[in-house]
C-alpha atoms as a PDB file:
ATOM      1  CA  MET A   1     -23.879 -31.640   5.956  1.00  0.00           C
ATOM      2  CA  LYS A   2     -22.874 -27.952   6.584  1.00  0.00           C
ATOM      3  CA  THR A   3     -26.794 -26.834   5.728  1.00  0.00           C
ATOM      4  CA  ARG A   4     -28.071 -29.751   7.534  1.00  0.00           C
ATOM      5  CA  SER A   5     -26.045 -29.210  10.948  1.00  0.00           C
ATOM      6  CA  ILE A   6     -27.178 -25.151  10.897  1.00  0.00           C
ATOM      7  CA  ILE A   7     -30.366 -26.375  10.348  1.00  0.00           C
ATOM      8  CA  LEU A   8     -30.817 -28.639  13.281  1.00  0.00           C
ATOM      9  CA  VAL A   9     -29.190 -26.399  15.501  1.00  0.00           C
ATOM     10  CA  VAL A  10     -31.819 -23.300  14.173  1.00  0.00           C
ATOM     11  CA  ALA A  11     -34.743 -26.046  15.083  1.00  0.00           C
ATOM     12  CA  ALA A  12     -33.399 -26.824  18.588  1.00  0.00           C
ATOM     13  CA  SER A  13     -33.311 -23.303  19.341  1.00  0.00           C
ATOM     14  CA  LEU A  14     -36.189 -23.002  18.375  1.00  0.00           C
ATOM     15  CA  PHE A  15     -37.478 -25.671  20.458  1.00  0.00           C
ATOM     16  CA  LEU A  16     -35.718 -24.376  23.318  1.00  0.00           C
ATOM     17  CA  ALA A  17     -37.213 -21.473  23.030  1.00  0.00           C
ATOM     18  CA  SER A  18     -40.650 -22.515  22.882  1.00  0.00           C
ATOM     19  CA  CYS A  19     -39.838 -24.546  26.294  1.00  0.00           C
ATOM     20  CA  GLY A  20     -38.652 -21.434  28.505  1.00  0.00           C
ATOM     21  CA  PRO A  21     -40.011 -19.823  31.169  1.00  0.00           C
ATOM     22  CA  LYS A  22     -43.232 -18.257  30.629  1.00  0.00           C
ATOM     23  CA  VAL A  23     -45.349 -15.181  32.842  1.00  0.00           C
ATOM     24  CA  SER A  24     -48.003 -16.036  34.097  1.00  0.00           C
ATOM     25  CA  ASP A  25     -51.306 -15.088  35.332  1.00  0.00           C
ATOM     26  CA  THR A  26     -50.653 -15.105  38.775  1.00  0.00           C
ATOM     27  CA  THR A  27     -47.216 -14.851  41.188  1.00  0.00           C
ATOM     28  CA  VAL A  28     -46.016 -17.169  43.401  1.00  0.00           C
ATOM     29  CA  ILE A  29     -44.328 -15.714  46.053  1.00  0.00           C
ATOM     30  CA  THR A  30     -42.416 -17.427  48.425  1.00  0.00           C
ATOM     31  CA  GLY A  31     -41.233 -15.445  51.910  1.00  0.00           C
ATOM     32  CA  ASN A  32     -38.413 -16.250  54.034  1.00  0.00           C
ATOM     33  CA  LEU A  33     -38.747 -13.255  56.852  1.00  0.00           C
ATOM     34  CA  GLY A  34     -36.388 -15.039  59.089  1.00  0.00           C
ATOM     35  CA  ALA A  35     -36.522 -14.639  63.077  1.00  0.00           C
ATOM     36  CA  ASP A  36     -39.273 -12.555  64.946  1.00  0.00           C
ATOM     37  CA  SER A  37     -41.124 -12.932  61.875  1.00  0.00           C
ATOM     38  CA  PRO A  38     -45.187 -11.624  62.732  1.00  0.00           C
ATOM     39  CA  GLU A  39     -47.614 -14.840  62.722  1.00  0.00           C
ATOM     40  CA  SER A  40     -48.739 -13.044  59.323  1.00  0.00           C
ATOM     41  CA  VAL A  41     -48.520 -10.463  56.281  1.00  0.00           C
ATOM     42  CA  ASP A  42     -50.749  -8.818  54.720  1.00  0.00           C
ATOM     43  CA  ILE A  43     -50.443  -8.270  50.426  1.00  0.00           C
ATOM     44  CA  THR A  44     -52.302  -5.583  49.169  1.00  0.00           C
ATOM     45  CA  ILE A  45     -52.915  -4.846  45.385  1.00  0.00           C
ATOM     46  CA  LYS A  46     -54.950  -1.330  45.273  1.00  0.00           C
ATOM     47  CA  PRO A  47     -56.073  -0.502  41.955  1.00  0.00           C
ATOM     48  CA  LEU A  48     -57.186  -4.167  41.409  1.00  0.00           C
ATOM     49  CA  ALA A  49     -58.730  -3.950  45.093  1.00  0.00           C
ATOM     50  CA  PHE A  50     -56.979  -7.006  46.043  1.00  0.00           C
ATOM     51  CA  ASN A  51     -56.044  -7.876  49.650  1.00  0.00           C
ATOM     52  CA  LYS A  52     -54.977 -10.850  51.567  1.00  0.00           C
ATOM     53  CA  LYS A  53     -53.939 -11.524  54.502  1.00  0.00           C
ATOM     54  CA  VAL A  54     -50.805 -15.195  54.753  1.00  0.00           C
ATOM     55  CA  ALA A  55     -50.228 -17.076  57.603  1.00  0.00           C
ATOM     56  CA  VAL A  56     -46.378 -16.537  58.462  1.00  0.00           C
ATOM     57  CA  GLU A  57     -45.188 -20.194  59.914  1.00  0.00           C
ATOM     58  CA  ASN A  58     -41.734 -20.371  60.956  1.00  0.00           C
ATOM     59  CA  GLY A  59     -40.331 -17.200  59.190  1.00  0.00           C
ATOM     60  CA  GLN A  60     -42.033 -18.273  55.936  1.00  0.00           C
ATOM     61  CA  PHE A  61     -45.132 -18.080  53.817  1.00  0.00           C
ATOM     62  CA  LYS A  62     -46.045 -18.993  50.004  1.00  0.00           C
ATOM     63  CA  ALA A  63     -49.394 -17.384  48.850  1.00  0.00           C
ATOM     64  CA  GLU A  64     -50.322 -16.680  45.308  1.00  0.00           C
ATOM     65  CA  ILE A  65     -51.320 -13.350  43.777  1.00  0.00           C
ATOM     66  CA  PRO A  66     -52.584 -11.815  40.886  1.00  0.00           C
ATOM     67  CA  LYS A  67     -50.341 -10.475  38.352  1.00  0.00           C
ATOM     68  CA  TYR A  68     -50.274  -6.357  38.297  1.00  0.00           C
ATOM     69  CA  VAL A  69     -47.322  -5.033  36.501  1.00  0.00           C
ATOM     70  CA  GLU A  70     -48.834  -1.234  36.094  1.00  0.00           C
ATOM     71  CA  GLY A  71     -47.762  -0.541  39.554  1.00  0.00           C
ATOM     72  CA  MET A  72     -46.629  -1.386  42.831  1.00  0.00           C
ATOM     73  CA  THR A  73     -47.966  -4.398  45.186  1.00  0.00           C
ATOM     74  CA  GLN A  74     -47.683  -3.802  48.936  1.00  0.00           C
ATOM     75  CA  LEU A  75     -46.126  -5.979  51.619  1.00  0.00           C
ATOM     76  CA  LYS A  76     -47.068  -5.211  55.578  1.00  0.00           C
ATOM     77  CA  ALA A  77     -45.017  -7.501  57.837  1.00  0.00           C
ATOM     78  CA  GLY A  78     -46.145  -6.520  61.081  1.00  0.00           C
ATOM     79  CA  LYS A  79     -44.323  -2.867  61.122  1.00  0.00           C
ATOM     80  CA  ILE A  80     -42.227  -3.085  58.191  1.00  0.00           C
ATOM     81  CA  THR A  81     -44.123  -2.364  54.680  1.00  0.00           C
ATOM     82  CA  GLY A  82     -42.503  -2.686  51.601  1.00  0.00           C
ATOM     83  CA  SER A  83     -43.398  -2.814  48.130  1.00  0.00           C
ATOM     84  CA  PHE A  84     -43.088  -5.030  44.840  1.00  0.00           C
ATOM     85  CA  ILE A  85     -43.619  -6.165  41.725  1.00  0.00           C
ATOM     86  CA  SER A  86     -46.267  -9.259  41.025  1.00  0.00           C
ATOM     87  CA  ASP A  87     -44.854  -9.344  37.568  1.00  0.00           C
ATOM     88  CA  GLY A  88     -46.337 -13.434  37.030  1.00  0.00           C
ATOM     89  CA  THR A  89     -42.663 -15.231  37.283  1.00  0.00           C
ATOM     90  CA  PRO A  90     -42.288 -16.861  40.841  1.00  0.00           C
ATOM     91  CA  LEU A  91     -40.615 -14.776  43.378  1.00  0.00           C
ATOM     92  CA  THR A  92     -38.789 -15.145  46.625  1.00  0.00           C
ATOM     93  CA  ILE A  93     -38.730 -12.293  49.203  1.00  0.00           C
ATOM     94  CA  SER A  94     -36.830 -11.913  52.419  1.00  0.00           C
ATOM     95  CA  PHE A  95     -35.877  -8.287  54.542  1.00  0.00           C
ATOM     96  CA  ASN A  96     -32.476  -6.663  54.223  1.00  0.00           C
ATOM     97  CA  ASP A  97     -31.063  -5.606  57.085  1.00  0.00           C
ATOM     98  CA  ASP A  98     -32.554  -1.942  56.835  1.00  0.00           C
ATOM     99  CA  HIS A  99     -35.926  -3.401  57.298  1.00  0.00           C
ATOM    100  CA  SER A 100     -36.235  -2.956  52.813  1.00  0.00           C
ATOM    101  CA  LEU A 101     -37.470  -5.931  50.921  1.00  0.00           C
ATOM    102  CA  ASN A 102     -35.433  -8.074  49.074  1.00  0.00           C
ATOM    103  CA  VAL A 103     -36.794  -9.738  45.670  1.00  0.00           C
ATOM    104  CA  VAL A 104     -35.616 -12.408  43.758  1.00  0.00           C
ATOM    105  CA  SER A 105     -36.819 -13.916  40.521  1.00  0.00           C
ATOM    106  CA  LYS A 106     -36.521 -17.525  39.522  1.00  0.00           C
ATOM    107  CA  TYR A 107     -36.713 -16.181  35.703  1.00  0.00           C
ATOM    108  CA  PRO A 108     -34.352 -12.846  35.687  1.00  0.00           C
ATOM    109  CA  LYS A 109     -34.742 -12.366  32.083  1.00  0.00           C
ATOM    110  CA  ILE A 110     -38.582 -11.973  31.852  1.00  0.00           C
ATOM    111  CA  SER A 111     -38.464 -11.011  35.381  1.00  0.00           C
ATOM    112  CA  VAL A 112     -40.586  -6.950  35.294  1.00  0.00           C
ATOM    113  CA  GLN A 113     -39.024  -6.591  38.784  1.00  0.00           C
ATOM    114  CA  ALA A 114     -35.353  -7.661  37.847  1.00  0.00           C
ATOM    115  CA  LYS A 115     -36.113  -5.035  34.651  1.00  0.00           C
ATOM    116  CA  PHE A 116     -37.250  -2.195  37.529  1.00  0.00           C
ATOM    117  CA  ASP A 117     -34.283  -3.477  39.841  1.00  0.00           C
ATOM    118  CA  ALA A 118     -31.815  -2.668  37.194  1.00  0.00           C
ATOM    119  CA  PHE A 119     -33.519   0.268  36.290  1.00  0.00           C
ATOM    120  CA  GLN A 120     -33.133   1.712  39.859  1.00  0.00           C
ATOM    121  CA  GLN A 121     -29.335   0.679  40.264  1.00  0.00           C
ATOM    122  CA  ALA A 122     -28.300   2.011  36.850  1.00  0.00           C
ATOM    123  CA  MET A 123     -29.930   5.253  38.477  1.00  0.00           C
ATOM    124  CA  GLN A 124     -27.579   4.821  41.513  1.00  0.00           C
ATOM    125  CA  ASP A 125     -25.215   4.140  39.440  1.00  0.00           C
ATOM    126  CA  LEU A 126     -24.992   7.569  37.542  1.00  0.00           C
ATOM    127  CA  GLN A 127     -25.563   9.331  40.936  1.00  0.00           C
ATOM    128  CA  ALA A 128     -22.489   7.863  42.128  1.00  0.00           C
ATOM    129  CA  LYS A 129     -20.911   8.520  39.175  1.00  0.00           C
ATOM    130  CA  TYR A 130     -21.287  12.636  38.592  1.00  0.00           C
ATOM    131  CA  GLN A 131     -21.907  14.050  42.548  1.00  0.00           C
ATOM    132  CA  PRO A 132     -18.538  13.715  43.309  1.00  0.00           C
ATOM    133  CA  GLN A 133     -17.260  15.243  40.047  1.00  0.00           C
ATOM    134  CA  ILE A 134     -19.974  17.962  40.456  1.00  0.00           C
ATOM    135  CA  GLU A 135     -18.958  18.369  44.264  1.00  0.00           C
ATOM    136  CA  ALA A 136     -15.216  18.738  43.478  1.00  0.00           C
ATOM    137  CA  ALA A 137     -15.724  21.294  40.497  1.00  0.00           C
ATOM    138  CA  LYS A 138     -13.145  24.213  41.139  1.00  0.00           C
ATOM    139  CA  ASP A 139     -15.888  26.542  39.315  1.00  0.00           C
ATOM    140  CA  GLU A 140     -19.592  27.090  38.468  1.00  0.00           C
ATOM    141  CA  ALA A 141     -18.908  26.559  34.653  1.00  0.00           C
ATOM    142  CA  THR A 142     -17.482  23.085  35.040  1.00  0.00           C
ATOM    143  CA  GLU A 143     -20.237  22.197  37.740  1.00  0.00           C
ATOM    144  CA  ASP A 144     -22.819  23.278  35.079  1.00  0.00           C
ATOM    145  CA  GLN A 145     -20.814  21.020  32.327  1.00  0.00           C
ATOM    146  CA  LEU A 146     -20.960  18.492  34.483  1.00  0.00           C
ATOM    147  CA  TYR A 147     -24.574  18.769  35.912  1.00  0.00           C
ATOM    148  CA  ASP A 148     -25.713  18.952  31.920  1.00  0.00           C
ATOM    149  CA  ALA A 149     -23.908  15.901  31.287  1.00  0.00           C
ATOM    150  CA  PHE A 150     -25.647  14.250  34.245  1.00  0.00           C
ATOM    151  CA  GLN A 151     -28.803  15.020  32.743  1.00  0.00           C
ATOM    152  CA  ASN A 152     -28.064  14.094  29.307  1.00  0.00           C
ATOM    153  CA  ASP A 153     -27.017  10.578  30.607  1.00  0.00           C
ATOM    154  CA  VAL A 154     -30.216  10.274  32.925  1.00  0.00           C
ATOM    155  CA  LYS A 155     -32.125  11.600  29.864  1.00  0.00           C
ATOM    156  CA  LYS A 156     -30.345   8.737  27.816  1.00  0.00           C
ATOM    157  CA  LEU A 157     -31.171   6.141  30.451  1.00  0.00           C
ATOM    158  CA  CYS A 158     -34.754   6.820  31.093  1.00  0.00           C
ATOM    159  CA  LEU A 159     -35.817   7.544  27.644  1.00  0.00           C
ATOM    160  CA  SER A 160     -33.985   4.013  26.676  1.00  0.00           C
ATOM    161  CA  THR A 161     -35.995   2.514  29.578  1.00  0.00           C
ATOM    162  CA  VAL A 162     -39.165   3.694  28.409  1.00  0.00           C
ATOM    163  CA  ASP A 163     -38.985   1.987  25.386  1.00  0.00           C
ATOM    164  CA  ALA A 164     -37.662  -1.325  26.509  1.00  0.00           C
ATOM    165  CA  ASN A 165     -40.993  -1.403  29.150  1.00  0.00           C
ATOM    166  CA  LYS A 166     -43.913   0.217  27.598  1.00  0.00           C
ATOM    167  CA  ASP A 167     -46.213  -1.451  29.498  1.00  0.00           C
ATOM    168  CA  ASN A 168     -45.098  -1.948  33.172  1.00  0.00           C
ATOM    169  CA  VAL A 169     -44.249  -0.062  35.973  1.00  0.00           C
ATOM    170  CA  THR A 170     -40.865   0.345  35.207  1.00  0.00           C
ATOM    171  CA  ALA A 171     -41.716   3.004  32.433  1.00  0.00           C
ATOM    172  CA  VAL A 172     -43.584   4.847  34.855  1.00  0.00           C
ATOM    173  CA  SER A 173     -40.520   5.185  37.310  1.00  0.00           C
ATOM    174  CA  ALA A 174     -38.433   6.256  34.016  1.00  0.00           C
ATOM    175  CA  ILE A 175     -41.208   9.169  33.111  1.00  0.00           C
ATOM    176  CA  ASP A 176     -40.914  10.127  36.614  1.00  0.00           C
ATOM    177  CA  ASN A 177     -37.228  11.008  36.186  1.00  0.00           C
ATOM    178  CA  LEU A 178     -37.681  12.651  33.017  1.00  0.00           C
ATOM    179  CA  ARG A 179     -40.473  14.979  34.369  1.00  0.00           C
ATOM    180  CA  TYR A 180     -38.275  18.325  34.120  1.00  0.00           C
ATOM    181  CA  LEU A 181     -35.757  17.070  31.703  1.00  0.00           C
ATOM    182  CA  LEU A 182     -38.568  17.001  28.756  1.00  0.00           C
ATOM    183  CA  ASN A 183     -40.123  19.975  26.933  1.00  0.00           C
ATOM    184  CA  ASN A 184     -44.204  19.356  26.916  1.00  0.00           C
ATOM    185  CA  ASP A 185     -44.065  18.068  23.156  1.00  0.00           C
ATOM    186  CA  GLN A 186     -40.915  15.923  23.880  1.00  0.00           C
ATOM    187  CA  MET A 187     -43.033  14.570  27.093  1.00  0.00           C
ATOM    188  CA  ASP A 188     -46.353  14.188  24.923  1.00  0.00           C
ATOM    189  CA  SER A 189     -44.770  12.277  22.060  1.00  0.00           C
ATOM    190  CA  VAL A 190     -43.305   9.691  25.272  1.00  0.00           C
ATOM    191  CA  LEU A 191     -46.335   9.372  26.685  1.00  0.00           C
ATOM    192  CA  MET A 192     -47.737   8.662  23.400  1.00  0.00           C
ATOM    193  CA  THR A 193     -45.771   5.327  22.908  1.00  0.00           C
ATOM    194  CA  ILE A 194     -46.724   4.077  26.214  1.00  0.00           C
ATOM    195  CA  ASP A 195     -48.928   1.145  26.620  1.00  0.00           C
ATOM    196  CA  THR A 196     -52.984   2.197  27.262  1.00  0.00           C
ATOM    197  CA  SER A 197     -52.535   0.349  30.479  1.00  0.00           C
ATOM    198  CA  LEU A 198     -50.532   2.700  31.966  1.00  0.00           C
ATOM    199  CA  ALA A 199     -53.033   5.350  31.144  1.00  0.00           C
ATOM    200  CA  LYS A 200     -55.108   4.337  34.618  1.00  0.00           C
ATOM    201  CA  VAL A 201     -51.985   4.735  36.774  1.00  0.00           C
ATOM    202  CA  GLN A 202     -52.291   8.224  38.698  1.00  0.00           C
ATOM    203  CA  SER A 203     -48.591   9.588  38.458  1.00  0.00           C
ATOM    204  CA  ILE A 204     -49.463   9.284  34.363  1.00  0.00           C
ATOM    205  CA  ALA A 205     -53.128  10.233  34.493  1.00  0.00           C
ATOM    206  CA  THR A 206     -51.619  13.639  36.397  1.00  0.00           C
ATOM    207  CA  LEU A 207     -48.570  14.572  34.072  1.00  0.00           C
ATOM    208  CA  SER A 208     -50.844  13.810  31.171  1.00  0.00           C
ATOM    209  CA  ARG A 209     -53.310  16.106  32.382  1.00  0.00           C
ATOM    210  CA  SER A 210     -50.256  18.437  33.151  1.00  0.00           C
ATOM    211  CA  VAL A 211     -48.920  18.388  30.130  1.00  0.00           C
ATOM    212  CA  ALA A 212     -51.974  18.821  28.439  1.00  0.00           C
ATOM    213  CA  SER A 213     -52.928  21.987  30.571  1.00  0.00           C
ATOM    214  CA  ARG A 214     -49.415  23.430  30.085  1.00  0.00           C
ATOM    215  CA  LYS A 215     -49.496  23.450  26.576  1.00  0.00           C
ATOM    216  CA  LYS A 216     -52.913  25.574  26.665  1.00  0.00           C
ATOM    217  CA  THR A 217     -51.147  27.875  28.978  1.00  0.00           C
ATOM    218  CA  ALA A 218     -47.674  28.109  27.265  1.00  0.00           C
ATOM    219  CA  GLU A 219     -45.757  31.128  26.380  1.00  0.00           C
ATOM    220  CA  GLY A 220     -47.412  32.831  23.722  1.00  0.00           C
ATOM    221  CA  GLN A 221     -51.178  32.170  24.497  1.00  0.00           C
ATOM    222  CA  MET A 222     -53.653  34.303  26.284  1.00  0.00           C
ATOM    223  CA  PHE A 223     -53.989  33.532  29.603  1.00  0.00           C
ATOM    224  CA  THR A 224     -56.632  31.100  31.669  1.00  0.00           C
ATOM    225  CA  ASP A 225     -58.870  33.178  34.213  1.00  0.00           C
ATOM    226  CA  PHE A 226     -59.852  31.486  37.516  1.00  0.00           C
ATOM    227  CA  THR A 227     -61.623  32.566  40.293  1.00  0.00           C
ATOM    228  CA  VAL A 228     -60.958  31.669  43.842  1.00  0.00           C
ATOM    229  CA  ARG A 229     -64.030  32.924  46.258  1.00  0.00           C
ATOM    230  CA  ASP A 230     -64.359  36.471  45.137  1.00  0.00           C
ATOM    231  CA  GLN A 231     -61.183  36.916  43.450  1.00  0.00           C
ATOM    232  CA  LYS A 232     -60.717  36.541  39.563  1.00  0.00           C
ATOM    233  CA  LEU A 233     -56.625  36.621  38.118  1.00  0.00           C
ATOM    234  CA  SER A 234     -58.451  38.452  35.247  1.00  0.00           C
ATOM    235  CA  ASP A 235     -58.747  41.230  38.520  1.00  0.00           C
ATOM    236  CA  TYR A 236     -55.508  41.756  37.665  1.00  0.00           C
ATOM    237  CA  VAL A 237     -54.500  39.772  34.724  1.00  0.00           C
ATOM    238  CA  GLY A 238     -55.113  41.769  31.127  1.00  0.00           C
ATOM    239  CA  ASN A 239     -55.641  45.275  32.317  1.00  0.00           C
ATOM    240  CA  GLY A 240     -53.191  46.948  30.925  1.00  0.00           C
ATOM    241  CA  LYS A 241     -50.015  46.254  32.863  1.00  0.00           C
ATOM    242  CA  TYR A 242     -47.404  43.526  33.083  1.00  0.00           C
ATOM    243  CA  ILE A 243     -48.119  41.622  35.492  1.00  0.00           C
ATOM    244  CA  LEU A 244     -45.812  39.097  37.500  1.00  0.00           C
ATOM    245  CA  VAL A 245     -47.648  36.333  39.205  1.00  0.00           C
ATOM    246  CA  ASP A 246     -45.643  34.030  41.795  1.00  0.00           C
ATOM    247  CA  PHE A 247     -47.694  31.053  43.098  1.00  0.00           C
ATOM    248  CA  TRP A 248     -46.280  29.996  46.103  1.00  0.00           C
ATOM    249  CA  ALA A 249     -46.863  28.638  49.671  1.00  0.00           C
ATOM    250  CA  SER A 250     -45.868  29.194  53.339  1.00  0.00           C
ATOM    251  CA  TRP A 251     -43.925  26.026  53.560  1.00  0.00           C
ATOM    252  CA  CYS A 252     -41.781  26.366  50.480  1.00  0.00           C
ATOM    253  CA  GLY A 253     -38.095  26.495  50.951  1.00  0.00           C
ATOM    254  CA  PRO A 254     -37.523  27.479  47.344  1.00  0.00           C
ATOM    255  CA  CYS A 255     -40.779  29.988  47.211  1.00  0.00           C
ATOM    256  CA  LYS A 256     -38.929  31.324  50.370  1.00  0.00           C
ATOM    257  CA  ALA A 257     -35.819  31.886  48.789  1.00  0.00           C
ATOM    258  CA  GLU A 258     -36.994  33.667  46.103  1.00  0.00           C
ATOM    259  CA  MET A 259     -38.915  36.639  48.224  1.00  0.00           C
ATOM    260  CA  PRO A 260     -35.880  38.734  47.934  1.00  0.00           C
ATOM    261  CA  ASN A 261     -35.812  38.645  44.379  1.00  0.00           C
ATOM    262  CA  ILE A 262     -39.476  39.285  43.847  1.00  0.00           C
ATOM    263  CA  LYS A 263     -39.429  41.913  46.453  1.00  0.00           C
ATOM    264  CA  ASN A 264     -36.193  43.565  44.259  1.00  0.00           C
ATOM    265  CA  VAL A 265     -38.455  43.475  41.103  1.00  0.00           C
ATOM    266  CA  TYR A 266     -41.621  45.051  43.028  1.00  0.00           C
ATOM    267  CA  GLN A 267     -39.437  47.528  44.777  1.00  0.00           C
ATOM    268  CA  LYS A 268     -37.655  48.860  41.357  1.00  0.00           C
ATOM    269  CA  TYR A 269     -40.853  48.338  38.901  1.00  0.00           C
ATOM    270  CA  ALA A 270     -43.695  48.365  40.214  1.00  0.00           C
ATOM    271  CA  GLY A 271     -45.717  51.637  38.875  1.00  0.00           C
ATOM    272  CA  PRO A 272     -47.686  52.242  36.136  1.00  0.00           C
ATOM    273  CA  GLU A 273     -46.891  49.259  33.630  1.00  0.00           C
ATOM    274  CA  PHE A 274     -45.992  46.753  36.113  1.00  0.00           C
ATOM    275  CA  ASP A 275     -47.049  44.997  39.326  1.00  0.00           C
ATOM    276  CA  ILE A 276     -47.348  41.751  40.998  1.00  0.00           C
ATOM    277  CA  LEU A 277     -49.319  39.244  42.433  1.00  0.00           C
ATOM    278  CA  SER A 278     -48.782  36.414  44.422  1.00  0.00           C
ATOM    279  CA  VAL A 279     -50.983  33.356  44.415  1.00  0.00           C
ATOM    280  CA  ALA A 280     -50.718  30.945  47.478  1.00  0.00           C
ATOM    281  CA  VAL A 281     -51.261  27.596  46.516  1.00  0.00           C
ATOM    282  CA  TRP A 282     -51.442  24.063  48.576  1.00  0.00           C
ATOM    283  CA  ASP A 283     -51.223  25.819  52.052  1.00  0.00           C
ATOM    284  CA  LYS A 284     -53.340  26.831  54.826  1.00  0.00           C
ATOM    285  CA  LYS A 285     -55.065  30.072  54.787  1.00  0.00           C
ATOM    286  CA  GLU A 286     -53.770  31.029  58.719  1.00  0.00           C
ATOM    287  CA  ASP A 287     -50.638  29.846  57.737  1.00  0.00           C
ATOM    288  CA  THR A 288     -50.461  31.979  54.055  1.00  0.00           C
ATOM    289  CA  ILE A 289     -51.387  34.854  56.206  1.00  0.00           C
ATOM    290  CA  GLU A 290     -48.750  34.802  58.640  1.00  0.00           C
ATOM    291  CA  SER A 291     -45.660  34.077  56.422  1.00  0.00           C
ATOM    292  CA  ALA A 292     -46.592  36.900  53.884  1.00  0.00           C
ATOM    293  CA  LYS A 293     -46.525  39.399  57.187  1.00  0.00           C
ATOM    294  CA  GLN A 294     -42.860  37.573  57.300  1.00  0.00           C
ATOM    295  CA  GLN A 295     -42.005  37.827  53.945  1.00  0.00           C
ATOM    296  CA  GLY A 296     -42.882  41.495  53.673  1.00  0.00           C
ATOM    297  CA  ILE A 297     -45.345  40.876  50.940  1.00  0.00           C
ATOM    298  CA  VAL A 298     -47.364  44.237  50.393  1.00  0.00           C
ATOM    299  CA  TRP A 299     -48.249  43.838  46.824  1.00  0.00           C
ATOM    300  CA  ASN A 300     -51.533  42.073  45.919  1.00  0.00           C
ATOM    301  CA  GLN A 301     -52.580  38.524  47.086  1.00  0.00           C
ATOM    302  CA  ILE A 302     -54.696  35.640  46.400  1.00  0.00           C
ATOM    303  CA  ILE A 303     -55.064  33.185  48.871  1.00  0.00           C
ATOM    304  CA  ASP A 304     -56.196  29.965  49.775  1.00  0.00           C
ATOM    305  CA  ALA A 305     -56.403  28.953  46.235  1.00  0.00           C
ATOM    306  CA  GLN A 306     -55.010  25.541  46.449  1.00  0.00           C
ATOM    307  CA  ARG A 307     -55.256  23.208  43.133  1.00  0.00           C
ATOM    308  CA  ILE A 308     -57.618  25.341  41.333  1.00  0.00           C
ATOM    309  CA  PRO A 309     -54.781  27.695  39.634  1.00  0.00           C
ATOM    310  CA  THR A 310     -51.692  24.902  39.231  1.00  0.00           C
ATOM    311  CA  ASN A 311     -54.159  22.595  38.108  1.00  0.00           C
ATOM    312  CA  ILE A 312     -55.458  25.017  35.268  1.00  0.00           C
ATOM    313  CA  TYR A 313     -51.849  26.018  34.232  1.00  0.00           C
ATOM    314  CA  GLY A 314     -49.953  22.527  34.889  1.00  0.00           C
ATOM    315  CA  ILE A 315     -48.155  23.500  37.728  1.00  0.00           C
ATOM    316  CA  ASP A 316     -46.004  20.545  39.377  1.00  0.00           C
ATOM    317  CA  GLY A 317     -43.724  22.269  41.277  1.00  0.00           C
ATOM    318  CA  ILE A 318     -43.609  25.667  43.131  1.00  0.00           C
ATOM    319  CA  PRO A 319     -42.450  28.636  43.126  1.00  0.00           C
ATOM    320  CA  HIS A 320     -43.406  28.657  39.547  1.00  0.00           C
ATOM    321  CA  ILE A 321     -43.257  32.371  38.297  1.00  0.00           C
ATOM    322  CA  ILE A 322     -45.075  33.779  35.213  1.00  0.00           C
ATOM    323  CA  LEU A 323     -44.534  37.097  33.605  1.00  0.00           C
ATOM    324  CA  PHE A 324     -48.069  37.952  31.813  1.00  0.00           C
ATOM    325  CA  GLY A 325     -48.211  40.891  29.104  1.00  0.00           C
ATOM    326  CA  PRO A 326     -50.596  44.189  29.039  1.00  0.00           C
ATOM    327  CA  ASP A 327     -53.509  41.968  27.192  1.00  0.00           C
ATOM    328  CA  GLY A 328     -52.844  38.944  29.454  1.00  0.00           C
ATOM    329  CA  THR A 329     -50.672  37.181  26.691  1.00  0.00           C
ATOM    330  CA  ILE A 330     -48.319  34.784  28.601  1.00  0.00           C
ATOM    331  CA  ILE A 331     -45.073  36.005  28.027  1.00  0.00           C
ATOM    332  CA  LYS A 332     -42.956  33.625  30.037  1.00  0.00           C
ATOM    333  CA  ARG A 333     -43.029  30.850  32.396  1.00  0.00           C
ATOM    334  CA  ASP A 334     -40.866  29.202  35.333  1.00  0.00           C
ATOM    335  CA  LEU A 335     -38.488  32.428  36.124  1.00  0.00           C
ATOM    336  CA  ARG A 336     -36.000  31.831  39.138  1.00  0.00           C
ATOM    337  CA  GLY A 337     -33.397  33.981  40.516  1.00  0.00           C
ATOM    338  CA  ASP A 338     -31.801  36.558  38.239  1.00  0.00           C
ATOM    339  CA  ASP A 339     -33.638  35.867  35.239  1.00  0.00           C
ATOM    340  CA  ILE A 340     -36.779  37.073  37.306  1.00  0.00           C
ATOM    341  CA  GLU A 341     -35.487  40.805  37.101  1.00  0.00           C
ATOM    342  CA  ALA A 342     -33.908  40.696  33.689  1.00  0.00           C
ATOM    343  CA  GLU A 343     -37.332  39.321  31.781  1.00  0.00           C
ATOM    344  CA  VAL A 344     -39.076  42.118  33.359  1.00  0.00           C
ATOM    345  CA  ALA A 345     -36.249  44.894  32.207  1.00  0.00           C
ATOM    346  CA  LYS A 346     -36.992  43.788  28.458  1.00  0.00           C
ATOM    347  CA  HIS A 347     -40.615  45.434  28.854  1.00  0.00           C
ATOM    348  CA  VAL A 348     -40.510  48.109  31.542  1.00  0.00           C
ATOM    349  CA  LYS A 349     -38.475  50.547  32.484  1.00  0.00           C
ATOM    350  CA  PRO A 350     -37.603  51.103  36.326  1.00  0.00           C
ATOM    351  CA  VAL A 351     -39.384  53.566  38.177  1.00  0.00           C
ATOM    352  CA  ASN A 352     -36.717  54.107  40.967  1.00  0.00           C
END
């Protein structure tokens, strides 16, 4: 009797599973916008070239739209714009007091929207846990330990999230948060695990190109030349001197914060063995020229480079400071603060 009862229970559970909710190829949205709602809403899925205007009656609307889980769907209601995931489950949409969207799936266990919301909440919980501790740290060592612990927990959460969401935008969000926590090989490995459907997502495609570029221009590799109008990187790099190259922009606060460190290194080491080159990217030419005067840049410059060098070197954020050897070998990337002089001092003696 025991064996039969077990078999019956298993059979019953299989029957229930087969009759459970399933993801559809379309998403049915029910909107409850409340008072002062517009006469219509616009629903847009840009990658699918989908746009639909839906009438609103008595603050409510209903629409059926294509499923699209690789990215966000935009909802515009009057002056308010929000985003959600058209995940193939019935969704109810309303506005929170701050005008953000409140999206609830009828079937949260299979809803990508629910998984995305859970990941976002988990990230917020980690920040809420560590931020007060970091701010209350009494010394730099404790602060560093707490920050490292925070980053490790973020890394664990994001990696597990990618593993559980390889075909949807939740993985995209997690990978965006891993961008500065993994080295090139680690990120490459993560990108290889996700579904090919995510490869065309702009942030993923851009990151994939950046990783490939960084691997080609990693420390120990020979420099890759580029040309901006009549100037080449090879006019300065690979000609017998150590060259410190600072990729910067006039609007970039952290870039300006590094200028005193760069200026100190220039005054101390510039000479027969060492020089500095500033490369202005993502900036207006006239703004660069004015800011360079204000910052006291007297060393060599390439201006108005825009994305030419940053695409080649896989640079996602600035400042990005690279030390090149006399033959053009990339010695060290992403130098900041005191590490700039410390690295230069390993190879060059002060001239003053």
